[in-house]
Amino acid sequence: MRFKLVFKYMTLLPAVVVLFSFSAAPAMAVSTCGDVPIYTNSLVDPAILILMDVSGSMARSAPLNDPQTPDLTEIVQKIVNRSGWSSGNAMVFFINGSGHRTAVSYDGSRSAAPLLHVEYAGGESETRIDQGTDDAEEASDGSISLISPDLELTYDGTNQIVGLRFRSVALPEGATITNAYIKLTVDEAQNETTNLVIQGEAADNPQTFTTDPGNISGRTRSTAQVEWPDVEEWSVDSRINIGKEVIGDLIKDDGLSWGFGSWSEGSPGYEGDDPTGTTSVSTGGGNYTVPAYPSGSEYYTRIQVGTAFHDATHQQDLQDAIDSLVPGGGTPLGPSMLAAKDYFSGDRADEVGSGSVYVDLGCQPKILINITDGIGYLPHTSADYMEAYTHILADEDISAVGVGFGLTMPLNCNDWRLSAMPGEMPIKVITSIPFMMKLPVLGNLLWPAARAS
């Protein structure tokens, strides 16, 4: 028998609206968990501990919107209709006009480089710029920049032309295009009146850009063009502020027992000890090799407010803790999970008043949501260690959800193995948040209402 806690998010910028719902598999009159009837209205409120990365990189800016161009179907259709087009060829687009919006380039962030999305009869294709010479800027004097960390659309002293080349575009020759657009990542906050025009290069397989003067403007453009008038305002905020706002919305739900903590290394108030080697931890689920920390280590983690009955006082304690966060220091992701284990085991008090420890109510689901914008680093965090930490939490009936804030999914899954455990282990779900987005979804979280004995 499993219960399912579904986190449903609807993002309305600049505000975030958070909705919750519970669902349960139909059926049994009682469970083996203290003989508590299996009805959602009698389930003990889940104890959810949110731990947030407050390392120095959380001070970096992050966009609050996710711009994409108008529909480019006409341009793409003319390119794939060319007799020399073949799936896997490159496509080039030109953007010029007036005004100012600044997008992230490949050299600024590989994972946030411009992305071409195309839908066609029978499938779809996505291609991200994947080399530095495939996005470029040409100034009014014809000079070319290939290494800028951003793309100025289009004013940069004078109006310029931006070239975007997407190589290895998987579209069949003559495919019927139904939708196409380029997705960009905001680099700077800007609201000037901006009107842009987009064209394609009339070539079967255009080459990458070079520093030869006029290398963008000198190319043959398609007759089709798409106007992008009155480009919306682009907004940014710091990652820490976005995190504070989203968590502040989460904890307003008084039907759940929220707790909050934060972690960093090298900042005042975040105490910890470097590991002195490795040790073996034995649980009911197995033996795990993890870094050996001195007895009493705080694991660079503060448990500011423990999970407790959610009244007005508790709500204020949570909000005060969130508001107090100041980014700085390193990213000890792995040890923060051990701090969560200590808290849920009753071995670690929170910082409210004289400090309170967690009291296990037997059937209360215990959940860790860990939000980070970094992978973490050795000796604290490796793929094998993270898998071990996750198993240890599972053996303590603690379900863990990792939220990668600014990380790509392959990177998350490789270095933070919150993967499904066998048998009746809690299922771990890792959700990758698109780079610098406003955490629109955390994902689904499952835990067992009954464990095999």
Protein backbone atom coordinates (compact mmCIF):
# COMPACT_ATOMS: atom_id res chain seq x y z
CA MET A 1 0.00 0.00 0.00
CA ARG A 2 1.43 3.37 -0.95
CA PHE A 3 0.28 6.89 -0.45
CA LYS A 4 1.21 9.51 -2.94
CA LEU A 5 1.94 13.13 -2.15
CA VAL A 6 1.71 15.14 -5.33
CA PHE A 7 3.32 18.57 -5.48
CA LYS A 8 1.43 20.56 -8.10
CA TYR A 9 2.80 23.91 -9.14
CA MET A 10 1.36 26.61 -11.32
CA THR A 11 3.81 29.39 -12.07
CA LEU A 12 2.34 32.85 -12.49
CA LEU A 13 5.19 35.30 -12.82
CA PRO A 14 6.17 37.24 -10.88
CA ALA A 15 4.26 35.27 -8.22
CA VAL A 16 4.26 31.52 -7.72
CA VAL A 17 1.05 29.74 -6.76
CA VAL A 18 1.54 26.40 -5.05
CA LEU A 19 -1.20 23.77 -4.89
CA PHE A 20 -1.16 20.45 -3.06
CA SER A 21 -3.24 17.30 -3.32
CA PHE A 22 -3.20 13.88 -1.72
CA SER A 23 -4.20 10.60 -3.27
CA ALA A 24 -4.20 7.06 -1.97
CA ALA A 25 -4.46 3.66 -3.55
CA PRO A 26 -7.93 2.22 -2.78
CA ALA A 27 -8.53 -0.26 -0.29
CA MET A 28 -7.50 -1.88 2.87
CA ALA A 29 -9.22 -1.14 6.15
CA VAL A 30 -6.00 -1.03 8.15
CA SER A 31 -2.28 -0.95 7.51
CA THR A 32 0.59 -2.58 9.31
CA CYS A 33 1.78 0.87 10.37
CA GLY A 34 0.30 1.08 13.84
CA ASP A 35 -3.09 -0.17 12.59
CA VAL A 36 -3.96 3.31 11.35
CA PRO A 37 -6.93 3.27 8.93
CA ILE A 38 -5.84 4.05 5.40
CA TYR A 39 -7.78 7.22 4.74
CA THR A 40 -6.12 10.47 3.78
CA ASN A 41 -8.11 12.39 6.37
CA SER A 42 -6.66 10.27 9.15
CA LEU A 43 -3.08 10.21 7.90
CA VAL A 44 -0.63 12.00 10.17
CA ASP A 45 0.59 15.19 8.47
CA PRO A 46 3.88 14.48 6.68
CA ALA A 47 6.99 15.95 8.30
CA ILE A 48 8.76 17.75 5.45
CA LEU A 49 12.22 19.17 6.07
CA ILE A 50 13.45 21.60 3.41
CA LEU A 51 17.20 22.06 3.28
CA MET A 52 18.52 24.83 1.05
CA ASP A 53 21.95 25.39 -0.39
CA VAL A 54 23.18 28.88 0.58
CA SER A 55 26.63 28.64 -1.00
CA GLY A 56 28.15 31.66 -2.72
CA SER A 57 26.83 30.79 -6.18
CA MET A 58 23.27 31.30 -4.92
CA ALA A 59 23.95 35.04 -5.16
CA ARG A 60 24.16 34.80 -8.94
CA SER A 61 21.36 36.24 -11.02
CA ALA A 62 18.63 34.07 -12.48
CA PRO A 63 15.90 34.96 -14.98
CA LEU A 64 12.24 35.11 -14.08
CA ASN A 65 10.97 34.42 -17.59
CA ASP A 66 11.82 32.00 -20.37
CA PRO A 67 11.59 33.84 -23.71
CA GLN A 68 11.13 32.19 -27.04
CA THR A 69 10.75 33.63 -30.51
CA PRO A 70 7.49 33.77 -32.44
CA ASP A 71 6.68 30.83 -34.69
CA LEU A 72 9.47 30.27 -37.23
CA THR A 73 7.62 27.59 -39.21
CA GLU A 74 7.78 29.49 -42.52
CA ILE A 75 11.55 29.93 -42.30
CA VAL A 76 12.26 26.33 -41.30
CA GLN A 77 9.88 24.97 -43.94
CA LYS A 78 11.72 26.76 -46.73
CA ILE A 79 15.04 25.36 -45.50
CA VAL A 80 13.91 21.70 -45.30
CA ASN A 81 12.24 22.05 -48.71
CA ARG A 82 15.60 22.81 -50.33
CA SER A 83 16.75 20.06 -52.69
CA GLY A 84 20.09 19.88 -50.89
CA TRP A 85 18.66 19.61 -47.39
CA SER A 86 19.36 16.39 -45.51
CA SER A 87 18.57 15.40 -41.94
CA GLY A 88 21.59 16.22 -39.81
CA ASN A 89 22.48 19.38 -41.72
CA ALA A 90 22.94 22.73 -39.99
CA MET A 91 20.53 25.69 -39.90
CA VAL A 92 21.48 29.33 -39.43
CA PHE A 93 19.23 32.15 -38.24
CA PHE A 94 19.91 35.89 -38.21
CA ILE A 95 18.41 38.33 -35.70
CA ASN A 96 18.53 42.09 -36.21
CA GLY A 97 16.35 45.05 -35.36
CA SER A 98 16.36 47.73 -32.68
CA GLY A 99 16.25 47.86 -28.90
CA HIS A 100 18.04 45.72 -26.36
CA ARG A 101 17.63 42.26 -24.88
CA THR A 102 20.60 40.19 -23.70
CA ALA A 103 20.57 36.40 -23.93
CA VAL A 104 23.08 33.83 -22.66
CA SER A 105 25.46 32.52 -25.32
CA TYR A 106 27.21 29.14 -25.56
CA ASP A 107 30.33 30.72 -24.05
CA GLY A 108 28.23 32.06 -21.18
CA SER A 109 26.66 28.71 -20.31
CA ARG A 110 26.57 25.58 -22.43
CA SER A 111 23.36 24.35 -20.81
CA ALA A 112 21.65 27.71 -21.39
CA ALA A 113 22.74 28.30 -24.97
CA PRO A 114 20.01 29.02 -27.57
CA LEU A 115 17.86 26.00 -28.43
CA LEU A 116 15.94 25.34 -31.65
CA HIS A 117 12.66 23.45 -31.17
CA VAL A 118 10.86 22.13 -34.26
CA GLU A 119 7.67 20.10 -34.50
CA TYR A 120 6.77 18.35 -37.74
CA ALA A 121 4.30 15.76 -38.98
CA GLY A 122 5.60 12.57 -37.41
CA GLY A 123 7.87 13.93 -34.70
CA GLU A 124 9.86 16.77 -33.21
CA SER A 125 13.47 17.86 -32.96
CA GLU A 126 15.47 19.92 -30.48
CA THR A 127 18.97 21.19 -31.14
CA ARG A 128 21.03 23.34 -28.79
CA ILE A 129 24.04 25.34 -29.93
CA ASP A 130 26.99 23.23 -28.85
CA GLN A 131 30.14 25.07 -29.89
CA GLY A 132 31.46 28.56 -29.38
CA THR A 133 31.67 29.49 -33.06
CA ASP A 134 27.98 28.75 -33.64
CA ASP A 135 26.68 31.93 -32.01
CA ALA A 136 28.20 35.22 -33.05
CA GLU A 137 27.68 38.98 -33.17
CA GLU A 138 28.55 41.31 -36.03
CA ALA A 139 29.00 45.01 -35.23
CA SER A 140 28.04 47.79 -37.62
CA ASP A 141 31.64 47.94 -38.90
CA GLY A 142 31.52 44.27 -39.90
CA SER A 143 33.75 42.97 -37.09
CA ILE A 144 32.76 39.60 -35.62
CA SER A 145 32.74 38.46 -31.98
CA LEU A 146 32.73 34.71 -31.36
CA ILE A 147 33.61 34.55 -27.66
CA SER A 148 31.18 36.82 -25.87
CA PRO A 149 29.39 35.27 -22.85
CA ASP A 150 26.15 36.89 -24.01
CA LEU A 151 24.27 37.88 -27.13
CA GLU A 152 23.11 41.51 -27.41
CA LEU A 153 19.81 41.69 -29.29
CA THR A 154 20.63 43.97 -30.88
CA TYR A 155 21.99 47.25 -29.47
CA ASP A 156 25.58 47.19 -28.25
CA GLY A 157 26.85 50.69 -28.87
CA THR A 158 25.25 50.40 -32.30
CA ASN A 159 22.68 47.96 -33.65
CA GLN A 160 24.30 44.68 -34.61
CA ILE A 161 23.36 41.35 -36.20
CA VAL A 162 23.33 38.13 -34.21
CA GLY A 163 23.89 34.81 -35.95
CA LEU A 164 22.78 31.47 -34.50
CA ARG A 165 23.84 28.16 -36.07
CA PHE A 166 22.28 24.89 -35.02
CA ARG A 167 24.21 21.93 -36.35
CA SER A 168 22.96 18.36 -36.81
CA VAL A 169 19.28 19.31 -36.99
CA ALA A 170 17.31 16.07 -37.26
CA LEU A 171 14.56 16.95 -39.74
CA PRO A 172 13.67 14.86 -42.81
CA GLU A 173 13.90 16.53 -46.20
CA GLY A 174 10.53 18.02 -47.10
CA ALA A 175 9.03 17.38 -43.65
CA THR A 176 5.81 19.27 -42.97
CA ILE A 177 6.72 21.76 -40.23
CA THR A 178 3.90 22.55 -37.78
CA ASN A 179 5.72 24.67 -35.19
CA ALA A 180 9.21 26.06 -34.68
CA TYR A 181 10.85 28.51 -32.34
CA ILE A 182 14.16 29.40 -30.70
CA LYS A 183 14.29 29.39 -26.92
CA LEU A 184 16.65 31.85 -25.25
CA THR A 185 17.90 32.28 -21.69
CA VAL A 186 17.75 35.73 -20.12
CA ASP A 187 21.11 37.18 -19.11
CA GLU A 188 20.14 40.71 -18.01
CA ALA A 189 17.03 42.56 -16.84
CA GLN A 190 15.84 44.88 -19.62
CA ASN A 191 12.60 46.62 -20.56
CA GLU A 192 13.54 48.98 -23.41
CA THR A 193 11.26 48.97 -26.42
CA THR A 194 12.66 46.21 -28.62
CA ASN A 195 11.57 45.08 -32.09
CA LEU A 196 13.42 42.25 -33.78
CA VAL A 197 13.38 40.53 -37.17
CA ILE A 198 14.43 36.90 -37.73
CA GLN A 199 15.57 35.34 -41.02
CA GLY A 200 17.23 32.09 -42.02
CA GLU A 201 20.26 31.44 -44.19
CA ALA A 202 19.38 30.22 -47.67
CA ALA A 203 21.90 27.38 -47.68
CA ASP A 204 21.68 23.58 -47.56
CA ASN A 205 24.28 23.10 -44.82
CA PRO A 206 25.76 26.45 -43.72
CA GLN A 207 29.18 26.56 -42.14
CA THR A 208 30.07 27.83 -38.68
CA PHE A 209 30.90 31.50 -38.17
CA THR A 210 34.40 32.92 -38.51
CA THR A 211 36.06 36.20 -37.60
CA ASP A 212 36.22 37.27 -41.25
CA PRO A 213 34.67 40.76 -41.48
CA GLY A 214 31.05 40.61 -42.60
CA ASN A 215 30.83 36.83 -42.07
CA ILE A 216 27.24 37.14 -40.83
CA SER A 217 25.85 39.97 -42.96
CA GLY A 218 27.50 38.62 -46.10
CA ARG A 219 25.53 35.39 -46.08
CA THR A 220 22.48 34.87 -48.29
CA ARG A 221 19.26 35.27 -46.32
CA SER A 222 15.96 33.50 -46.86
CA THR A 223 13.11 35.48 -48.36
CA ALA A 224 10.92 34.43 -45.44
CA GLN A 225 11.24 36.52 -42.29
CA VAL A 226 9.44 36.67 -38.95
CA GLU A 227 8.94 39.84 -36.96
CA TRP A 228 9.25 39.79 -33.17
CA PRO A 229 7.66 43.10 -32.18
CA ASP A 230 7.41 44.58 -28.70
CA VAL A 231 9.58 41.91 -27.08
CA GLU A 232 8.40 41.32 -23.52
CA GLU A 233 10.36 42.63 -20.55
CA TRP A 234 13.16 40.34 -19.43
CA SER A 235 13.58 40.10 -15.66
CA VAL A 236 16.16 38.60 -13.31
CA ASP A 237 16.67 38.12 -9.59
CA SER A 238 19.24 36.31 -7.49
CA ARG A 239 18.92 32.56 -7.07
CA ILE A 240 18.73 32.99 -3.30
CA ASN A 241 15.79 35.40 -3.61
CA ILE A 242 13.95 33.10 -5.99
CA GLY A 243 14.49 30.21 -3.60
CA LYS A 244 13.27 32.27 -0.66
CA GLU A 245 10.10 33.25 -2.50
CA VAL A 246 9.26 29.72 -3.60
CA ILE A 247 9.91 28.20 -0.18
CA GLY A 248 7.96 31.01 1.44
CA ASP A 249 4.98 30.01 -0.69
CA LEU A 250 5.41 26.33 0.16
CA ILE A 251 5.32 26.80 3.91
CA LYS A 252 2.03 28.70 3.80
CA ASP A 253 0.25 25.36 3.53
CA ASP A 254 -0.67 24.73 7.17
CA GLY A 255 -1.81 21.16 6.51
CA LEU A 256 1.78 19.94 6.50
CA SER A 257 4.47 19.87 9.20
CA TRP A 258 7.22 21.95 7.63
CA GLY A 259 10.78 22.29 8.83
CA PHE A 260 13.60 24.34 7.39
CA GLY A 261 17.37 24.33 7.36
CA SER A 262 20.27 25.50 5.23
CA TRP A 263 23.82 24.47 4.47
CA SER A 264 27.10 25.94 3.31
CA GLU A 265 30.81 25.50 4.01
CA GLY A 266 33.07 28.29 5.13
CA SER A 267 30.34 30.75 6.15
CA PRO A 268 29.81 31.95 9.73
CA GLY A 269 27.31 29.79 11.58
CA TYR A 270 27.74 26.72 9.40
CA GLU A 271 29.99 24.44 11.40
CA GLY A 272 31.43 21.19 10.15
CA ASP A 273 34.46 18.96 10.19
CA ASP A 274 36.26 17.52 7.21
CA PRO A 275 36.10 13.73 7.00
CA THR A 276 39.09 11.81 8.26
CA GLY A 277 38.70 8.90 5.86
CA THR A 278 35.84 6.52 5.27
CA THR A 279 33.70 4.33 7.44
CA SER A 280 31.11 1.62 6.96
CA VAL A 281 27.52 2.28 8.05
CA SER A 282 25.30 -0.73 8.62
CA THR A 283 21.52 -0.46 8.47
CA GLY A 284 18.71 -2.90 8.02
CA GLY A 285 19.13 -2.44 4.29
CA GLY A 286 22.85 -3.08 3.96
CA ASN A 287 26.37 -1.80 4.53
CA TYR A 288 27.43 1.53 3.01
CA THR A 289 30.84 3.18 2.73
CA VAL A 290 30.69 6.91 3.44
CA PRO A 291 33.11 9.62 4.61
CA ALA A 292 33.97 9.37 8.31
CA TYR A 293 33.08 12.59 10.14
CA PRO A 294 34.10 13.26 13.75
CA SER A 295 31.48 12.54 16.40
CA GLY A 296 29.09 15.45 16.87
CA SER A 297 29.77 16.98 13.47
CA GLU A 298 27.19 19.54 12.39
CA TYR A 299 27.78 18.58 8.73
CA TYR A 300 27.95 22.27 7.70
CA THR A 301 24.18 22.32 8.13
CA ARG A 302 21.81 24.33 10.32
CA ILE A 303 18.38 23.02 11.26
CA GLN A 304 16.85 26.42 11.92
CA VAL A 305 13.27 25.26 12.44
CA GLY A 306 12.18 21.68 13.06
CA THR A 307 9.05 20.06 11.68
CA ALA A 308 6.20 20.83 14.06
CA PHE A 309 2.49 21.56 14.28
CA HIS A 310 1.93 24.42 11.88
CA ASP A 311 0.47 27.31 13.82
CA ALA A 312 1.07 31.06 13.43
CA THR A 313 4.16 30.99 15.64
CA HIS A 314 5.71 28.13 13.67
CA GLN A 315 4.91 29.90 10.41
CA GLN A 316 6.71 33.03 11.62
CA ASP A 317 9.72 31.02 12.80
CA LEU A 318 9.98 29.44 9.35
CA GLN A 319 9.67 32.76 7.54
CA ASP A 320 12.22 34.45 9.80
CA ALA A 321 14.71 31.66 9.09
CA ILE A 322 14.15 31.93 5.35
CA ASP A 323 14.48 35.73 5.36
CA SER A 324 17.77 35.53 7.27
CA LEU A 325 19.64 33.59 4.58
CA VAL A 326 22.82 35.15 3.16
CA PRO A 327 24.75 33.25 0.47
CA GLY A 328 28.43 32.45 0.88
CA GLY A 329 30.87 29.56 1.06
CA GLY A 330 31.08 26.15 -0.58
CA THR A 331 28.66 23.36 -1.49
CA PRO A 332 28.74 20.38 0.93
CA LEU A 333 25.71 18.62 -0.55
CA GLY A 334 26.45 15.15 0.78
CA PRO A 335 26.87 16.03 4.48
CA SER A 336 23.56 17.93 4.48
CA MET A 337 21.80 14.61 3.93
CA LEU A 338 23.49 13.18 7.01
CA ALA A 339 22.30 16.20 8.99
CA ALA A 340 18.74 15.42 7.87
CA LYS A 341 19.17 11.83 9.05
CA ASP A 342 20.39 13.03 12.45
CA TYR A 343 17.39 15.35 12.76
CA PHE A 344 14.81 12.71 11.88
CA SER A 345 16.57 10.21 14.17
CA GLY A 346 16.09 12.59 17.12
CA ASP A 347 19.84 13.18 17.46
CA ARG A 348 19.81 16.82 16.35
CA ALA A 349 17.79 19.69 17.83
CA ASP A 350 16.55 22.68 15.89
CA GLU A 351 17.45 26.29 16.75
CA VAL A 352 14.05 27.50 17.93
CA GLY A 353 14.22 28.64 21.56
CA SER A 354 16.17 26.13 23.60
CA GLY A 355 15.95 23.62 20.75
CA SER A 356 13.53 20.80 20.04
CA VAL A 357 14.21 17.34 18.67
CA TYR A 358 12.05 15.41 16.25
CA VAL A 359 9.65 12.94 17.85
CA ASP A 360 8.78 10.04 15.57
CA LEU A 361 5.02 9.54 15.48
CA GLY A 362 5.28 6.09 13.97
CA CYS A 363 3.14 6.52 10.88
CA GLN A 364 4.25 10.06 10.04
CA PRO A 365 5.92 10.15 6.61
CA LYS A 366 9.37 11.75 6.83
CA ILE A 367 10.46 13.70 3.78
CA LEU A 368 13.61 15.61 2.86
CA ILE A 369 13.52 18.19 0.05
CA ASN A 370 17.06 19.33 -0.69
CA ILE A 371 17.46 22.32 -3.02
CA THR A 372 20.87 23.10 -4.52
CA ASP A 373 22.40 24.91 -7.47
CA GLY A 374 25.62 22.89 -7.34
CA ILE A 375 26.73 19.30 -7.51
CA GLY A 376 28.86 19.46 -4.39
CA TYR A 377 32.49 18.51 -4.23
CA LEU A 378 34.90 15.94 -2.89
CA PRO A 379 35.57 14.67 -0.30
CA HIS A 380 31.92 15.17 0.64
CA THR A 381 30.07 14.36 -2.53
CA SER A 382 30.57 11.72 -5.18
CA ALA A 383 28.11 9.57 -7.10
CA ASP A 384 28.81 6.54 -4.92
CA TYR A 385 28.59 8.53 -1.68
CA MET A 386 25.33 10.14 -2.74
CA GLU A 387 23.86 6.76 -3.53
CA ALA A 388 24.96 5.51 -0.11
CA TYR A 389 23.47 8.54 1.67
CA THR A 390 20.19 7.98 -0.15
CA HIS A 391 20.06 4.30 0.85
CA ILE A 392 20.79 5.26 4.46
CA LEU A 393 17.90 7.74 4.44
CA ALA A 394 15.64 5.12 2.86
CA ASP A 395 16.51 2.63 5.59
CA GLU A 396 15.37 5.24 8.12
CA ASP A 397 12.05 5.60 6.22
CA ILE A 398 13.08 9.07 5.01
CA SER A 399 12.03 9.87 1.45
CA ALA A 400 14.35 12.28 -0.34
CA VAL A 401 13.70 14.62 -3.22
CA GLY A 402 16.56 16.49 -4.84
CA VAL A 403 15.90 19.71 -6.71
CA GLY A 404 18.70 20.74 -9.05
CA PHE A 405 18.49 24.52 -9.38
CA GLY A 406 20.48 25.43 -12.48
CA LEU A 407 21.65 21.92 -13.32
CA THR A 408 20.95 19.75 -16.34
CA MET A 409 19.23 16.40 -15.84
CA PRO A 410 22.15 14.17 -16.97
CA LEU A 411 24.45 15.96 -14.52
CA ASN A 412 21.97 15.59 -11.68
CA CYS A 413 21.32 11.93 -12.28
CA ASN A 414 25.02 11.15 -12.50
CA ASP A 415 26.10 12.91 -9.33
CA TRP A 416 23.00 12.78 -7.15
CA ARG A 417 21.61 9.29 -7.39
CA LEU A 418 18.17 9.71 -5.84
CA SER A 419 16.94 6.72 -7.77
CA ALA A 420 14.20 4.17 -7.12
CA MET A 421 15.09 1.68 -4.42
CA PRO A 422 14.11 -2.00 -4.55
CA GLY A 423 11.19 -3.58 -2.73
CA GLU A 424 9.38 -1.34 -0.30
CA MET A 425 12.06 1.34 -0.13
CA PRO A 426 10.79 4.90 -0.56
CA ILE A 427 10.98 5.95 -4.17
CA LYS A 428 13.28 8.88 -4.84
CA VAL A 429 12.45 11.37 -7.56
CA ILE A 430 15.01 13.85 -8.80
CA THR A 431 13.71 16.84 -10.69
CA SER A 432 15.95 19.02 -12.77
CA ILE A 433 14.93 22.65 -12.87
CA PRO A 434 15.69 24.43 -16.14
CA PHE A 435 18.62 26.77 -15.68
CA MET A 436 17.65 29.92 -13.78
CA MET A 437 13.93 29.16 -13.80
CA LYS A 438 11.53 29.83 -10.98
CA LEU A 439 11.20 26.24 -9.73
CA PRO A 440 7.94 25.57 -11.59
CA VAL A 441 7.79 21.94 -10.47
CA LEU A 442 9.38 19.74 -7.81
CA GLY A 443 7.85 16.47 -8.94
CA ASN A 444 6.02 13.55 -7.39
CA LEU A 445 7.00 12.03 -4.06
CA LEU A 446 6.09 8.53 -2.98
CA TRP A 447 6.54 6.72 0.30
CA PRO A 448 5.36 3.38 1.69
CA ALA A 449 2.47 3.29 4.15
CA ALA A 450 3.59 -0.23 4.97
CA ARG A 451 7.02 -1.82 4.85
CA ALA A 452 7.84 -5.44 4.42
CA SER A 453 9.00 -6.87 7.70
